[in-house]
């Protein structure tokens, strides 16, 4: 569905704002276990943050962390640089609560990814590799209306 929306946006010359470019914080590398989330954090109830899905998604994050180390950047910066490398029409807006993270996110603009980097990133985290639905079933019903 997202590929169809993106191609339509491009056909019409409309910019695209990717939703949750840091995977609800997963791609920052700061969430290594479910207890890294506060007890009242709504993500604890999301399918991507539960059980086997959490472990499978964390394995992807660990592989992306290795690429980030090679590029001498933070995992969040790598994720944002990847989004930006998808085209000039991409406008990721990562949420942040702290100035430090805002500055880190902006620094992603300085990360140059070449074709090799993009191929490697896409091997590690191909489209559709995320385990678990974006929201619980009731939330997904609202999204797909």
Protein backbone atom coordinates (compact mmCIF):
# COMPACT_ATOMS: atom_id res chain seq x y z
CA UNK A 1 0.00 0.00 0.00
CA UNK A 2 2.78 2.44 0.92
CA UNK A 3 4.54 1.82 -2.41
CA UNK A 4 1.33 2.73 -4.24
CA UNK A 5 0.92 5.91 -2.22
CA UNK A 6 4.55 6.87 -2.79
CA UNK A 7 4.34 6.32 -6.55
CA UNK A 8 1.15 8.41 -6.70
CA UNK A 9 2.79 11.19 -4.69
CA UNK A 10 5.75 11.16 -7.05
CA UNK A 11 3.52 11.15 -10.10
CA UNK A 12 1.73 14.23 -8.76
CA UNK A 13 4.89 15.97 -7.49
CA UNK A 14 3.84 15.74 -3.85
CA UNK A 15 6.38 15.31 -1.06
CA UNK A 16 6.09 12.30 1.22
CA UNK A 17 6.32 12.35 5.02
CA UNK A 18 7.24 8.83 6.20
CA UNK A 19 5.38 7.92 9.36
CA UNK A 20 7.52 7.02 12.35
CA UNK A 21 10.89 6.99 10.55
CA UNK A 22 12.59 5.70 13.71
CA UNK A 23 10.20 2.80 14.16
CA UNK A 24 8.62 4.16 17.33
CA UNK A 25 12.11 4.50 18.80
CA UNK A 26 13.21 0.97 17.97
CA UNK A 27 15.70 2.19 15.37
CA UNK A 28 17.45 4.43 17.88
CA UNK A 29 19.07 1.35 19.43
CA UNK A 30 18.05 2.56 22.87
CA UNK A 31 15.37 -0.11 23.31
CA UNK A 32 17.18 -3.40 23.93
CA UNK A 33 14.63 -5.06 26.19
CA UNK A 34 10.97 -4.45 26.91
CA UNK A 35 11.86 -3.10 30.37
CA UNK A 36 13.65 -0.20 28.67
CA UNK A 37 10.13 1.16 28.17
CA UNK A 38 8.32 2.76 31.09
CA UNK A 39 5.60 0.61 32.66
CA UNK A 40 2.90 2.89 31.25
CA UNK A 41 4.44 3.23 27.76
CA UNK A 42 1.77 2.45 25.14
CA UNK A 43 4.37 0.70 22.96
CA UNK A 44 4.38 -2.20 25.42
CA UNK A 45 0.95 -3.09 23.98
CA UNK A 46 1.99 -2.83 20.33
CA UNK A 47 2.45 -6.10 18.46
CA UNK A 48 5.96 -5.14 17.30
CA UNK A 49 7.11 -4.78 20.90
CA UNK A 50 5.78 -8.09 22.21
CA UNK A 51 7.31 -11.53 22.58
CA UNK A 52 8.89 -13.10 19.53
CA UNK A 53 8.12 -10.02 17.42
CA UNK A 54 10.23 -7.92 19.78
CA UNK A 55 13.13 -10.35 19.51
CA UNK A 56 12.94 -10.56 15.70
CA UNK A 57 12.80 -6.77 15.39
CA UNK A 58 15.64 -6.36 17.85
CA UNK A 59 17.78 -8.69 15.71
CA UNK A 60 17.25 -6.31 12.77
CA UNK A 61 18.19 -3.36 14.98
CA UNK A 62 21.41 -5.13 16.03
CA UNK A 63 22.39 -5.63 12.38
CA UNK A 64 21.65 -1.95 11.65
CA UNK A 65 23.71 -0.95 14.68
CA UNK A 66 26.68 -2.75 13.15
CA UNK A 67 26.28 -0.75 9.93
CA UNK A 68 25.97 2.45 11.98
CA UNK A 69 29.24 1.66 13.76
CA UNK A 70 30.95 1.20 10.38
CA UNK A 71 29.56 4.56 9.24
CA UNK A 72 30.54 6.13 12.60
CA UNK A 73 27.04 7.31 13.32
CA UNK A 74 24.14 6.52 15.62
CA UNK A 75 21.53 3.95 14.54
CA UNK A 76 18.84 6.67 14.42
CA UNK A 77 21.04 8.76 12.13
CA UNK A 78 21.55 5.79 9.84
CA UNK A 79 17.81 5.17 9.68
CA UNK A 80 17.10 8.81 8.85
CA UNK A 81 19.92 8.93 6.28
CA UNK A 82 18.38 5.85 4.61
CA UNK A 83 14.97 7.52 4.44
CA UNK A 84 16.52 10.68 2.99
CA UNK A 85 18.43 8.60 0.42
CA UNK A 86 15.10 7.34 -0.96
CA UNK A 87 14.54 10.61 -2.79
CA UNK A 88 14.44 14.37 -2.51
CA UNK A 89 10.70 14.15 -1.97
CA UNK A 90 11.17 12.41 1.40
CA UNK A 91 10.61 14.54 4.50
CA UNK A 92 11.04 12.42 7.63
CA UNK A 93 9.87 14.07 10.82
CA UNK A 94 11.18 12.06 13.75
CA UNK A 95 9.59 12.80 17.09
CA UNK A 96 11.90 13.82 19.88
CA UNK A 97 11.62 15.05 23.43
CA UNK A 98 15.16 16.29 23.92
CA UNK A 99 17.37 18.81 22.21
CA UNK A 100 20.25 16.30 22.15
CA UNK A 101 18.19 13.91 20.02
CA UNK A 102 17.05 16.74 17.78
CA UNK A 103 20.69 17.63 17.12
CA UNK A 104 21.54 13.97 16.48
CA UNK A 105 18.65 13.70 14.03
CA UNK A 106 19.71 16.81 12.13
CA UNK A 107 23.25 15.40 11.87
CA UNK A 108 21.79 12.59 9.74
CA UNK A 109 21.86 15.12 6.89
CA UNK A 110 25.67 14.80 6.90
CA UNK A 111 25.68 11.04 6.41
CA UNK A 112 26.29 10.07 2.82
CA UNK A 113 25.08 6.63 1.85
CA UNK A 114 26.37 5.16 -1.39
CA UNK A 115 24.73 2.46 -3.49
CA UNK A 116 26.63 -0.26 -1.61
CA UNK A 117 25.38 1.09 1.71
CA UNK A 118 21.79 1.13 0.48
CA UNK A 119 22.05 -2.44 -0.83
CA UNK A 120 23.45 -3.59 2.53
CA UNK A 121 20.76 -1.72 4.47
CA UNK A 122 18.06 -3.27 2.29
CA UNK A 123 19.52 -6.76 2.84
CA UNK A 124 19.51 -6.29 6.60
CA UNK A 125 16.06 -4.66 6.76
CA UNK A 126 14.12 -5.37 3.58
CA UNK A 127 10.66 -3.88 3.17
CA UNK A 128 8.22 -6.08 5.07
CA UNK A 129 10.79 -7.61 7.41
CA UNK A 130 9.35 -6.01 10.52
CA UNK A 131 7.68 -8.60 12.74
CA UNK A 132 4.22 -7.80 14.06
CA UNK A 133 1.49 -5.44 13.03
CA UNK A 134 1.94 -1.70 13.38
CA UNK A 135 -0.94 -1.49 15.89
CA UNK A 136 -3.17 -3.90 17.78
CA UNK A 137 -6.03 -5.24 15.66
CA UNK A 138 -8.46 -2.51 16.73
CA UNK A 139 -5.98 0.20 15.78
CA UNK A 140 -5.24 -1.38 12.39
CA UNK A 141 -8.97 -1.38 11.62
CA UNK A 142 -8.99 2.40 12.04
CA UNK A 143 -5.91 2.85 9.81
CA UNK A 144 -7.25 0.84 6.91
CA UNK A 145 -10.56 2.67 6.50
